[in-house]
PDB file of N, CA and C in Angstrom:
ATOM      1  N   MET A   1       0.827  -1.192   0.000  1.00  0.00           N
ATOM      2  CA  MET A   1       0.000   0.000   0.000  1.00  0.00           C
ATOM      3  C   MET A   1       0.868   1.251   0.000  1.00  0.00           C
ATOM      4  N   ALA A   2       2.120   1.154   0.337  1.00  0.00           N
ATOM      5  CA  ALA A   2       2.996   2.320   0.397  1.00  0.00           C
ATOM      6  C   ALA A   2       3.191   2.962  -0.966  1.00  0.00           C
ATOM      7  N   SER A   3       2.930   2.218  -2.049  1.00  0.00           N
ATOM      8  CA  SER A   3       3.119   2.798  -3.367  1.00  0.00           C
ATOM      9  C   SER A   3       1.931   3.630  -3.817  1.00  0.00           C
ATOM     10  N   LEU A   4       0.823   3.582  -3.111  1.00  0.00           N
ATOM     11  CA  LEU A   4      -0.330   4.396  -3.468  1.00  0.00           C
ATOM     12  C   LEU A   4      -0.116   5.841  -3.067  1.00  0.00           C
ATOM     13  N   SER A   5      -0.566   6.740  -3.904  1.00  0.00           N
ATOM     14  CA  SER A   5      -0.526   8.150  -3.523  1.00  0.00           C
ATOM     15  C   SER A   5      -1.725   8.437  -2.646  1.00  0.00           C
ATOM     16  N   MET A   6      -1.716   9.610  -2.019  1.00  0.00           N
ATOM     17  CA  MET A   6      -2.806  10.020  -1.147  1.00  0.00           C
ATOM     18  C   MET A   6      -4.128  10.023  -1.900  1.00  0.00           C
ATOM     19  N   SER A   7      -4.160  10.568  -3.112  1.00  0.00           N
ATOM     20  CA  SER A   7      -5.413  10.646  -3.859  1.00  0.00           C
ATOM     21  C   SER A   7      -5.891   9.260  -4.266  1.00  0.00           C
ATOM     22  N   ALA A   8      -4.983   8.400  -4.703  1.00  0.00           N
ATOM     23  CA  ALA A   8      -5.380   7.048  -5.087  1.00  0.00           C
ATOM     24  C   ALA A   8      -5.846   6.260  -3.873  1.00  0.00           C
ATOM     25  N   ALA A   9      -5.152   6.408  -2.766  1.00  0.00           N
ATOM     26  CA  ALA A   9      -5.540   5.694  -1.551  1.00  0.00           C
ATOM     27  C   ALA A   9      -6.882   6.199  -1.049  1.00  0.00           C
ATOM     28  N   GLY A  10      -7.099   7.501  -1.146  1.00  0.00           N
ATOM     29  CA  GLY A  10      -8.359   8.084  -0.703  1.00  0.00           C
ATOM     30  C   GLY A  10      -9.525   7.551  -1.494  1.00  0.00           C
ATOM     31  N   ARG A  11      -9.352   7.478  -2.809  1.00  0.00           N
ATOM     32  CA  ARG A  11     -10.427   6.932  -3.638  1.00  0.00           C
ATOM     33  C   ARG A  11     -10.630   5.456  -3.330  1.00  0.00           C
ATOM     34  N   ALA A  12      -9.537   4.722  -3.149  1.00  0.00           N
ATOM     35  CA  ALA A  12      -9.637   3.290  -2.893  1.00  0.00           C
ATOM     36  C   ALA A  12     -10.350   3.020  -1.575  1.00  0.00           C
ATOM     37  N   ALA A  13     -10.137   3.874  -0.590  1.00  0.00           N
ATOM     38  CA  ALA A  13     -10.725   3.660   0.727  1.00  0.00           C
ATOM     39  C   ALA A  13     -12.106   4.299   0.851  1.00  0.00           C
ATOM     40  N   GLY A  14     -12.563   4.988  -0.200  1.00  0.00           N
ATOM     41  CA  GLY A  14     -13.879   5.589  -0.169  1.00  0.00           C
ATOM     42  C   GLY A  14     -13.952   6.920   0.554  1.00  0.00           C
ATOM     43  N   TRP A  15     -12.913   7.709   0.490  1.00  0.00           N
ATOM     44  CA  TRP A  15     -12.916   9.035   1.108  1.00  0.00           C
ATOM     45  C   TRP A  15     -13.542  10.025   0.133  1.00  0.00           C
ATOM     46  N   THR A  16     -14.522  10.758   0.589  1.00  0.00           N
ATOM     47  CA  THR A  16     -15.151  11.788  -0.230  1.00  0.00           C
ATOM     48  C   THR A  16     -14.360  13.088  -0.083  1.00  0.00           C
ATOM     49  N   PRO A  17     -14.534  14.018  -1.021  1.00  0.00           N
ATOM     50  CA  PRO A  17     -13.884  15.328  -0.856  1.00  0.00           C
ATOM     51  C   PRO A  17     -14.286  16.005   0.459  1.00  0.00           C
ATOM     52  N   LYS A  18     -15.540  15.846   0.859  1.00  0.00           N
ATOM     53  CA  LYS A  18     -15.991  16.447   2.120  1.00  0.00           C
ATOM     54  C   LYS A  18     -15.263  15.814   3.314  1.00  0.00           C
ATOM     55  N   GLN A  19     -15.138  14.480   3.307  1.00  0.00           N
ATOM     56  CA  GLN A  19     -14.419  13.815   4.396  1.00  0.00           C
ATOM     57  C   GLN A  19     -12.959  14.236   4.419  1.00  0.00           C
ATOM     58  N   ASN A  20     -12.359  14.411   3.246  1.00  0.00           N
ATOM     59  CA  ASN A  20     -10.970  14.847   3.191  1.00  0.00           C
ATOM     60  C   ASN A  20     -10.819  16.235   3.805  1.00  0.00           C
ATOM     61  N   LYS A  21     -11.757  17.133   3.507  1.00  0.00           N
ATOM     62  CA  LYS A  21     -11.723  18.486   4.078  1.00  0.00           C
ATOM     63  C   LYS A  21     -11.917  18.426   5.599  1.00  0.00           C
ATOM     64  N   LEU A  22     -12.859  17.608   6.054  1.00  0.00           N
ATOM     65  CA  LEU A  22     -13.076  17.446   7.494  1.00  0.00           C
ATOM     66  C   LEU A  22     -11.834  16.876   8.173  1.00  0.00           C
ATOM     67  N   PHE A  23     -11.169  15.956   7.488  1.00  0.00           N
ATOM     68  CA  PHE A  23      -9.926  15.363   7.981  1.00  0.00           C
ATOM     69  C   PHE A  23      -8.865  16.452   8.170  1.00  0.00           C
ATOM     70  N   GLU A  24      -8.694  17.297   7.153  1.00  0.00           N
ATOM     71  CA  GLU A  24      -7.707  18.378   7.240  1.00  0.00           C
ATOM     72  C   GLU A  24      -8.031  19.325   8.395  1.00  0.00           C
ATOM     73  N   GLN A  25      -9.301  19.674   8.529  1.00  0.00           N
ATOM     74  CA  GLN A  25      -9.706  20.583   9.602  1.00  0.00           C
ATOM     75  C   GLN A  25      -9.489  19.947  10.975  1.00  0.00           C
ATOM     76  N   ALA A  26      -9.802  18.664  11.089  1.00  0.00           N
ATOM     77  CA  ALA A  26      -9.625  17.970  12.364  1.00  0.00           C
ATOM     78  C   ALA A  26      -8.152  17.885  12.744  1.00  0.00           C
ATOM     79  N   LEU A  27      -7.276  17.690  11.754  1.00  0.00           N
ATOM     80  CA  LEU A  27      -5.837  17.656  12.047  1.00  0.00           C
ATOM     81  C   LEU A  27      -5.354  18.998  12.570  1.00  0.00           C
ATOM     82  N   ALA A  28      -5.942  20.080  12.072  1.00  0.00           N
ATOM     83  CA  ALA A  28      -5.552  21.410  12.538  1.00  0.00           C
ATOM     84  C   ALA A  28      -5.967  21.630  13.987  1.00  0.00           C
ATOM     85  N   VAL A  29      -7.050  20.994  14.400  1.00  0.00           N
ATOM     86  CA  VAL A  29      -7.558  21.154  15.769  1.00  0.00           C
ATOM     87  C   VAL A  29      -6.892  20.174  16.729  1.00  0.00           C
ATOM     88  N   HIS A  30      -6.736  18.936  16.280  1.00  0.00           N
ATOM     89  CA  HIS A  30      -6.220  17.862  17.144  1.00  0.00           C
ATOM     90  C   HIS A  30      -4.777  17.563  16.757  1.00  0.00           C
ATOM     91  N   ASP A  31      -3.830  18.273  17.375  1.00  0.00           N
ATOM     92  CA  ASP A  31      -2.423  18.054  17.060  1.00  0.00           C
ATOM     93  C   ASP A  31      -1.908  16.792  17.730  1.00  0.00           C
ATOM     94  N   ARG A  32      -0.621  16.522  17.542  1.00  0.00           N
ATOM     95  CA  ARG A  32      -0.056  15.256  18.028  1.00  0.00           C
ATOM     96  C   ARG A  32      -0.091  15.122  19.552  1.00  0.00           C
ATOM     97  N   ASP A  33      -0.263  16.232  20.268  1.00  0.00           N
ATOM     98  CA  ASP A  33      -0.320  16.178  21.732  1.00  0.00           C
ATOM     99  C   ASP A  33      -1.735  15.973  22.268  1.00  0.00           C
ATOM    100  N   THR A  34      -2.722  15.928  21.383  1.00  0.00           N
ATOM    101  CA  THR A  34      -4.110  15.740  21.809  1.00  0.00           C
ATOM    102  C   THR A  34      -4.328  14.299  22.246  1.00  0.00           C
ATOM    103  N   PRO A  35      -4.842  14.097  23.467  1.00  0.00           N
ATOM    104  CA  PRO A  35      -5.174  12.727  23.881  1.00  0.00           C
ATOM    105  C   PRO A  35      -6.251  12.151  22.955  1.00  0.00           C
ATOM    106  N   ASP A  36      -6.133  10.892  22.613  1.00  0.00           N
ATOM    107  CA  ASP A  36      -7.084  10.211  21.734  1.00  0.00           C
ATOM    108  C   ASP A  36      -7.242  10.935  20.397  1.00  0.00           C
ATOM    109  N   ARG A  37      -6.130  11.416  19.892  1.00  0.00           N
ATOM    110  CA  ARG A  37      -6.146  12.201  18.647  1.00  0.00           C
ATOM    111  C   ARG A  37      -6.905  11.509  17.528  1.00  0.00           C
ATOM    112  N   TRP A  38      -6.577  10.260  17.237  1.00  0.00           N
ATOM    113  CA  TRP A  38      -7.166   9.590  16.077  1.00  0.00           C
ATOM    114  C   TRP A  38      -8.648   9.304  16.281  1.00  0.00           C
ATOM    115  N   HIS A  39      -9.065   9.061  17.500  1.00  0.00           N
ATOM    116  CA  HIS A  39     -10.505   8.893  17.772  1.00  0.00           C
ATOM    117  C   HIS A  39     -11.238  10.213  17.534  1.00  0.00           C
ATOM    118  N   ASN A  40     -10.640  11.327  17.963  1.00  0.00           N
ATOM    119  CA  ASN A  40     -11.248  12.639  17.753  1.00  0.00           C
ATOM    120  C   ASN A  40     -11.321  12.987  16.270  1.00  0.00           C
ATOM    121  N   VAL A  41     -10.259  12.687  15.534  1.00  0.00           N
ATOM    122  CA  VAL A  41     -10.249  12.965  14.097  1.00  0.00           C
ATOM    123  C   VAL A  41     -11.296  12.100  13.400  1.00  0.00           C
ATOM    124  N   ALA A  42     -11.365  10.822  13.754  1.00  0.00           N
ATOM    125  CA  ALA A  42     -12.360   9.923  13.152  1.00  0.00           C
ATOM    126  C   ALA A  42     -13.774  10.416  13.432  1.00  0.00           C
ATOM    127  N   ARG A  43     -14.020  10.868  14.630  1.00  0.00           N
ATOM    128  CA  ARG A  43     -15.343  11.389  14.985  1.00  0.00           C
ATOM    129  C   ARG A  43     -15.674  12.614  14.147  1.00  0.00           C
ATOM    130  N   ALA A  44     -14.690  13.482  13.925  1.00  0.00           N
ATOM    131  CA  ALA A  44     -14.908  14.692  13.133  1.00  0.00           C
ATOM    132  C   ALA A  44     -15.153  14.368  11.659  1.00  0.00           C
ATOM    133  N   VAL A  45     -14.464  13.365  11.143  1.00  0.00           N
ATOM    134  CA  VAL A  45     -14.604  12.976   9.738  1.00  0.00           C
ATOM    135  C   VAL A  45     -15.949  12.289   9.504  1.00  0.00           C
ATOM    136  N   GLY A  46     -16.333  11.431  10.435  1.00  0.00           N
ATOM    137  CA  GLY A  46     -17.613  10.725  10.293  1.00  0.00           C
ATOM    138  C   GLY A  46     -17.570   9.682   9.194  1.00  0.00           C
ATOM    139  N   GLY A  47     -18.735   9.322   8.688  1.00  0.00           N
ATOM    140  CA  GLY A  47     -18.818   8.357   7.592  1.00  0.00           C
ATOM    141  C   GLY A  47     -18.332   6.972   7.929  1.00  0.00           C
ATOM    142  N   GLY A  48     -18.311   6.648   9.217  1.00  0.00           N
ATOM    143  CA  GLY A  48     -17.883   5.317   9.615  1.00  0.00           C
ATOM    144  C   GLY A  48     -16.373   5.119   9.640  1.00  0.00           C
ATOM    145  N   LYS A  49     -15.609   6.194   9.517  1.00  0.00           N
ATOM    146  CA  LYS A  49     -14.147   6.066   9.565  1.00  0.00           C
ATOM    147  C   LYS A  49     -13.709   5.787  10.997  1.00  0.00           C
ATOM    148  N   SER A  50     -12.828   4.822  11.144  1.00  0.00           N
ATOM    149  CA  SER A  50     -12.313   4.454  12.463  1.00  0.00           C
ATOM    150  C   SER A  50     -11.030   5.237  12.756  1.00  0.00           C
ATOM    151  N   ALA A  51     -10.589   5.138  13.997  1.00  0.00           N
ATOM    152  CA  ALA A  51      -9.327   5.763  14.383  1.00  0.00           C
ATOM    153  C   ALA A  51      -8.182   5.187  13.545  1.00  0.00           C
ATOM    154  N   ASP A  52      -8.215   3.884  13.281  1.00  0.00           N
ATOM    155  CA  ASP A  52      -7.179   3.267  12.447  1.00  0.00           C
ATOM    156  C   ASP A  52      -7.246   3.775  11.008  1.00  0.00           C
ATOM    157  N   ASP A  53      -8.462   3.971  10.484  1.00  0.00           N
ATOM    158  CA  ASP A  53      -8.622   4.496   9.117  1.00  0.00           C
ATOM    159  C   ASP A  53      -7.958   5.865   8.984  1.00  0.00           C
ATOM    160  N   VAL A  54      -8.250   6.764   9.910  1.00  0.00           N
ATOM    161  CA  VAL A  54      -7.712   8.126   9.792  1.00  0.00           C
ATOM    162  C   VAL A  54      -6.210   8.155  10.080  1.00  0.00           C
ATOM    163  N   ARG A  55      -5.740   7.297  10.961  1.00  0.00           N
ATOM    164  CA  ARG A  55      -4.300   7.230  11.225  1.00  0.00           C
ATOM    165  C   ARG A  55      -3.559   6.749   9.975  1.00  0.00           C
ATOM    166  N   ARG A  56      -4.086   5.716   9.312  1.00  0.00           N
ATOM    167  CA  ARG A  56      -3.454   5.218   8.088  1.00  0.00           C
ATOM    168  C   ARG A  56      -3.493   6.284   6.984  1.00  0.00           C
ATOM    169  N   TYR A  57      -4.594   6.999   6.893  1.00  0.00           N
ATOM    170  CA  TYR A  57      -4.730   8.067   5.898  1.00  0.00           C
ATOM    171  C   TYR A  57      -3.686   9.161   6.154  1.00  0.00           C
ATOM    172  N   TYR A  58      -3.481   9.487   7.433  1.00  0.00           N
ATOM    173  CA  TYR A  58      -2.463  10.461   7.813  1.00  0.00           C
ATOM    174  C   TYR A  58      -1.067   9.964   7.425  1.00  0.00           C
ATOM    175  N   GLU A  59      -0.791   8.697   7.658  1.00  0.00           N
ATOM    176  CA  GLU A  59       0.509   8.129   7.320  1.00  0.00           C
ATOM    177  C   GLU A  59       0.759   8.195   5.814  1.00  0.00           C
ATOM    178  N   LEU A  60      -0.293   7.988   5.001  1.00  0.00           N
ATOM    179  CA  LEU A  60      -0.155   8.137   3.553  1.00  0.00           C
ATOM    180  C   LEU A  60       0.162   9.586   3.184  1.00  0.00           C
ATOM    181  N   LEU A  61      -0.484  10.505   3.866  1.00  0.00           N
ATOM    182  CA  LEU A  61      -0.230  11.928   3.631  1.00  0.00           C
ATOM    183  C   LEU A  61       1.228  12.264   3.948  1.00  0.00           C
ATOM    184  N   VAL A  62       1.714  11.801   5.075  1.00  0.00           N
ATOM    185  CA  VAL A  62       3.108  12.039   5.466  1.00  0.00           C
ATOM    186  C   VAL A  62       4.058  11.447   4.428  1.00  0.00           C
ATOM    187  N   HIS A  63       3.751  10.260   3.951  1.00  0.00           N
ATOM    188  CA  HIS A  63       4.572   9.591   2.936  1.00  0.00           C
ATOM    189  C   HIS A  63       4.578  10.405   1.649  1.00  0.00           C
ATOM    190  N   ASP A  64       3.412  10.892   1.219  1.00  0.00           N
ATOM    191  CA  ASP A  64       3.326  11.696   0.001  1.00  0.00           C
ATOM    192  C   ASP A  64       4.120  12.994   0.131  1.00  0.00           C
ATOM    193  N   VAL A  65       4.004  13.654   1.266  1.00  0.00           N
ATOM    194  CA  VAL A  65       4.738  14.909   1.484  1.00  0.00           C
ATOM    195  C   VAL A  65       6.243  14.643   1.438  1.00  0.00           C
ATOM    196  N   ALA A  66       6.687  13.558   2.043  1.00  0.00           N
ATOM    197  CA  ALA A  66       8.113  13.210   2.017  1.00  0.00           C
ATOM    198  C   ALA A  66       8.585  12.983   0.581  1.00  0.00           C
ATOM    199  N   ASN A  67       7.772  12.306  -0.231  1.00  0.00           N
ATOM    200  CA  ASN A  67       8.140  12.084  -1.631  1.00  0.00           C
ATOM    201  C   ASN A  67       8.189  13.386  -2.417  1.00  0.00           C
ATOM    202  N   ILE A  68       7.252  14.283  -2.162  1.00  0.00           N
ATOM    203  CA  ILE A  68       7.247  15.584  -2.836  1.00  0.00           C
ATOM    204  C   ILE A  68       8.491  16.366  -2.459  1.00  0.00           C
ATOM    205  N   GLU A  69       8.791  16.422  -1.167  1.00  0.00           N
ATOM    206  CA  GLU A  69       9.963  17.172  -0.700  1.00  0.00           C
ATOM    207  C   GLU A  69      11.268  16.571  -1.199  1.00  0.00           C
ATOM    208  N   ALA A  70      11.281  15.255  -1.447  1.00  0.00           N
ATOM    209  CA  ALA A  70      12.481  14.593  -1.949  1.00  0.00           C
ATOM    210  C   ALA A  70      12.602  14.696  -3.467  1.00  0.00           C
ATOM    211  N   GLY A  71      11.634  15.349  -4.107  1.00  0.00           N
ATOM    212  CA  GLY A  71      11.676  15.502  -5.556  1.00  0.00           C
ATOM    213  C   GLY A  71      11.291  14.255  -6.315  1.00  0.00           C
ATOM    214  N   LYS A  72      10.598  13.323  -5.664  1.00  0.00           N
ATOM    215  CA  LYS A  72      10.210  12.072  -6.306  1.00  0.00           C
ATOM    216  C   LYS A  72       8.870  12.163  -7.035  1.00  0.00           C
ATOM    217  N   VAL A  73       8.215  13.303  -6.949  1.00  0.00           N
ATOM    218  CA  VAL A  73       6.934  13.491  -7.625  1.00  0.00           C
ATOM    219  C   VAL A  73       7.173  14.453  -8.777  1.00  0.00           C
ATOM    220  N   PRO A  74       6.891  14.007 -10.004  1.00  0.00           N
ATOM    221  CA  PRO A  74       7.160  14.877 -11.148  1.00  0.00           C
ATOM    222  C   PRO A  74       6.244  16.094 -11.170  1.00  0.00           C
ATOM    223  N   PHE A  75       6.775  17.182 -11.700  1.00  0.00           N
ATOM    224  CA  PHE A  75       6.013  18.409 -11.856  1.00  0.00           C
ATOM    225  C   PHE A  75       4.927  18.157 -12.896  1.00  0.00           C
ATOM    226  N   PRO A  76       3.669  18.494 -12.606  1.00  0.00           N
ATOM    227  CA  PRO A  76       2.600  18.228 -13.567  1.00  0.00           C
ATOM    228  C   PRO A  76       2.805  19.003 -14.872  1.00  0.00           C
ATOM    229  N   ALA A  77       2.382  18.416 -15.964  1.00  0.00           N
ATOM    230  CA  ALA A  77       2.467  19.072 -17.270  1.00  0.00           C
ATOM    231  C   ALA A  77       1.176  19.846 -17.490  1.00  0.00           C
ATOM    232  N   TYR A  78       1.163  21.090 -17.036  1.00  0.00           N
ATOM    233  CA  TYR A  78      -0.015  21.920 -17.195  1.00  0.00           C
ATOM    234  C   TYR A  78      -0.186  22.333 -18.644  1.00  0.00           C
ATOM    235  N   ARG A  79      -1.430  22.420 -19.066  1.00  0.00           N
ATOM    236  CA  ARG A  79      -1.717  22.905 -20.408  1.00  0.00           C
ATOM    237  C   ARG A  79      -1.792  24.432 -20.378  1.00  0.00           C
ATOM    238  N   PRO A  80      -1.489  25.057 -21.478  1.00  0.00           N
ATOM    239  CA  PRO A  80      -1.633  26.523 -21.540  1.00  0.00           C
ATOM    240  C   PRO A  80      -3.075  26.922 -21.234  1.00  0.00           C
ATOM    241  N   PRO A  81      -3.286  28.123 -20.726  1.00  0.00           N
ATOM    242  CA  PRO A  81      -4.619  28.531 -20.311  1.00  0.00           C
ATOM    243  C   PRO A  81      -5.623  28.672 -21.445  1.00  0.00           C
ATOM    244  N   CYS A  82      -5.175  28.883 -22.678  1.00  0.00           N
ATOM    245  CA  CYS A  82      -6.114  29.007 -23.791  1.00  0.00           C
ATOM    246  C   CYS A  82      -5.465  28.450 -25.056  1.00  0.00           C
ATOM    247  N   PRO A  83      -6.299  28.006 -25.994  1.00  0.00           N
ATOM    248  CA  PRO A  83      -5.725  27.489 -27.240  1.00  0.00           C
ATOM    249  C   PRO A  83      -5.096  28.615 -28.056  1.00  0.00           C
ATOM    250  N   GLY A  84      -4.219  28.244 -28.939  1.00  0.00           N
ATOM    251  CA  GLY A  84      -3.575  29.238 -29.793  1.00  0.00           C
ATOM    252  C   GLY A  84      -2.137  29.436 -29.397  1.00  0.00           C
ATOM    253  N   PRO A  85      -1.504  30.403 -30.030  1.00  0.00           N
ATOM    254  CA  PRO A  85      -0.081  30.635 -29.725  1.00  0.00           C
ATOM    255  C   PRO A  85       0.089  31.149 -28.294  1.00  0.00           C
ATOM    256  N   ASN A  86       0.964  30.513 -27.575  1.00  0.00           N
ATOM    257  CA  ASN A  86       1.235  30.890 -26.182  1.00  0.00           C
ATOM    258  C   ASN A  86       2.714  31.161 -26.015  1.00  0.00           C
ATOM    259  N   VAL A  87       3.221  32.019 -26.833  1.00  0.00           N
ATOM    260  CA  VAL A  87       4.633  32.368 -26.781  1.00  0.00           C
ATOM    261  C   VAL A  87       4.940  32.959 -25.408  1.00  0.00           C
ATOM    262  N   GLY A  88       5.897  32.404 -24.784  1.00  0.00           N
ATOM    263  CA  GLY A  88       6.308  32.909 -23.483  1.00  0.00           C
ATOM    264  C   GLY A  88       5.506  32.372 -22.314  1.00  0.00           C
ATOM    265  N   TYR A  89       4.518  31.516 -22.588  1.00  0.00           N
ATOM    266  CA  TYR A  89       3.694  31.000 -21.496  1.00  0.00           C
ATOM    267  C   TYR A  89       4.540  30.243 -20.480  1.00  0.00           C
ATOM    268  N   GLU A  90       5.373  29.340 -20.959  1.00  0.00           N
ATOM    269  CA  GLU A  90       6.193  28.525 -20.056  1.00  0.00           C
ATOM    270  C   GLU A  90       7.132  29.403 -19.231  1.00  0.00           C
ATOM    271  N   ALA A  91       7.775  30.358 -19.870  1.00  0.00           N
ATOM    272  CA  ALA A  91       8.682  31.250 -19.152  1.00  0.00           C
ATOM    273  C   ALA A  91       7.921  32.081 -18.126  1.00  0.00           C
ATOM    274  N   ASP A  92       6.736  32.553 -18.488  1.00  0.00           N
ATOM    275  CA  ASP A  92       5.935  33.355 -17.568  1.00  0.00           C
ATOM    276  C   ASP A  92       5.484  32.507 -16.376  1.00  0.00           C
ATOM    277  N   ARG A  93       5.075  31.269 -16.648  1.00  0.00           N
ATOM    278  CA  ARG A  93       4.638  30.368 -15.573  1.00  0.00           C
ATOM    279  C   ARG A  93       5.778  30.098 -14.610  1.00  0.00           C
ATOM    280  N   LEU A  94       6.948  29.844 -15.129  1.00  0.00           N
ATOM    281  CA  LEU A  94       8.093  29.561 -14.281  1.00  0.00           C
ATOM    282  C   LEU A  94       8.556  30.790 -13.516  1.00  0.00           C
ATOM    283  N   LYS A  95       8.356  31.973 -14.083  1.00  0.00           N
ATOM    284  CA  LYS A  95       8.759  33.206 -13.409  1.00  0.00           C
ATOM    285  C   LYS A  95       8.024  33.369 -12.078  1.00  0.00           C
ATOM    286  N   HIS A  96       6.782  32.917 -12.020  1.00  0.00           N
ATOM    287  CA  HIS A  96       5.977  33.090 -10.816  1.00  0.00           C
ATOM    288  C   HIS A  96       6.044  31.888  -9.869  1.00  0.00           C
ATOM    289  N   LEU A  97       6.779  30.868 -10.262  1.00  0.00           N
ATOM    290  CA  LEU A  97       6.915  29.675  -9.442  1.00  0.00           C
ATOM    291  C   LEU A  97       7.830  29.958  -8.270  1.00  0.00           C
ATOM    292  N   LYS A  98       7.360  29.675  -7.077  1.00  0.00           N
ATOM    293  CA  LYS A  98       8.172  29.897  -5.876  1.00  0.00           C
ATOM    294  C   LYS A  98       8.652  28.552  -5.361  1.00  0.00           C
ATOM    295  N   ILE A  99       9.930  28.379  -5.346  1.00  0.00           N
ATOM    296  CA  ILE A  99      10.494  27.106  -4.892  1.00  0.00           C
ATOM    297  C   ILE A  99      11.281  27.342  -3.633  1.00  0.00           C
TER     298      ILE A  99
END
């Protein structure tokens, strides 16, 4: 399961966009020092998610962030904003990229 990305794992486990947002909000409230953190996060997410479900989901998130920071995730190939000649689009896009 370690090879799954967060989005693929989320879809595989049946996480809805709403549950994902609730998960993010619950993590902001229940930090690592919160007693029964994963039970509190699971309660906030709802939808039958258990403490183990949300803990595993968090571990996938941590794994994905580590891969991104290590440069193991390729930069997406964005399409130009409109059809037609886009001279300078790539240079302009990179100019505003903050690394």
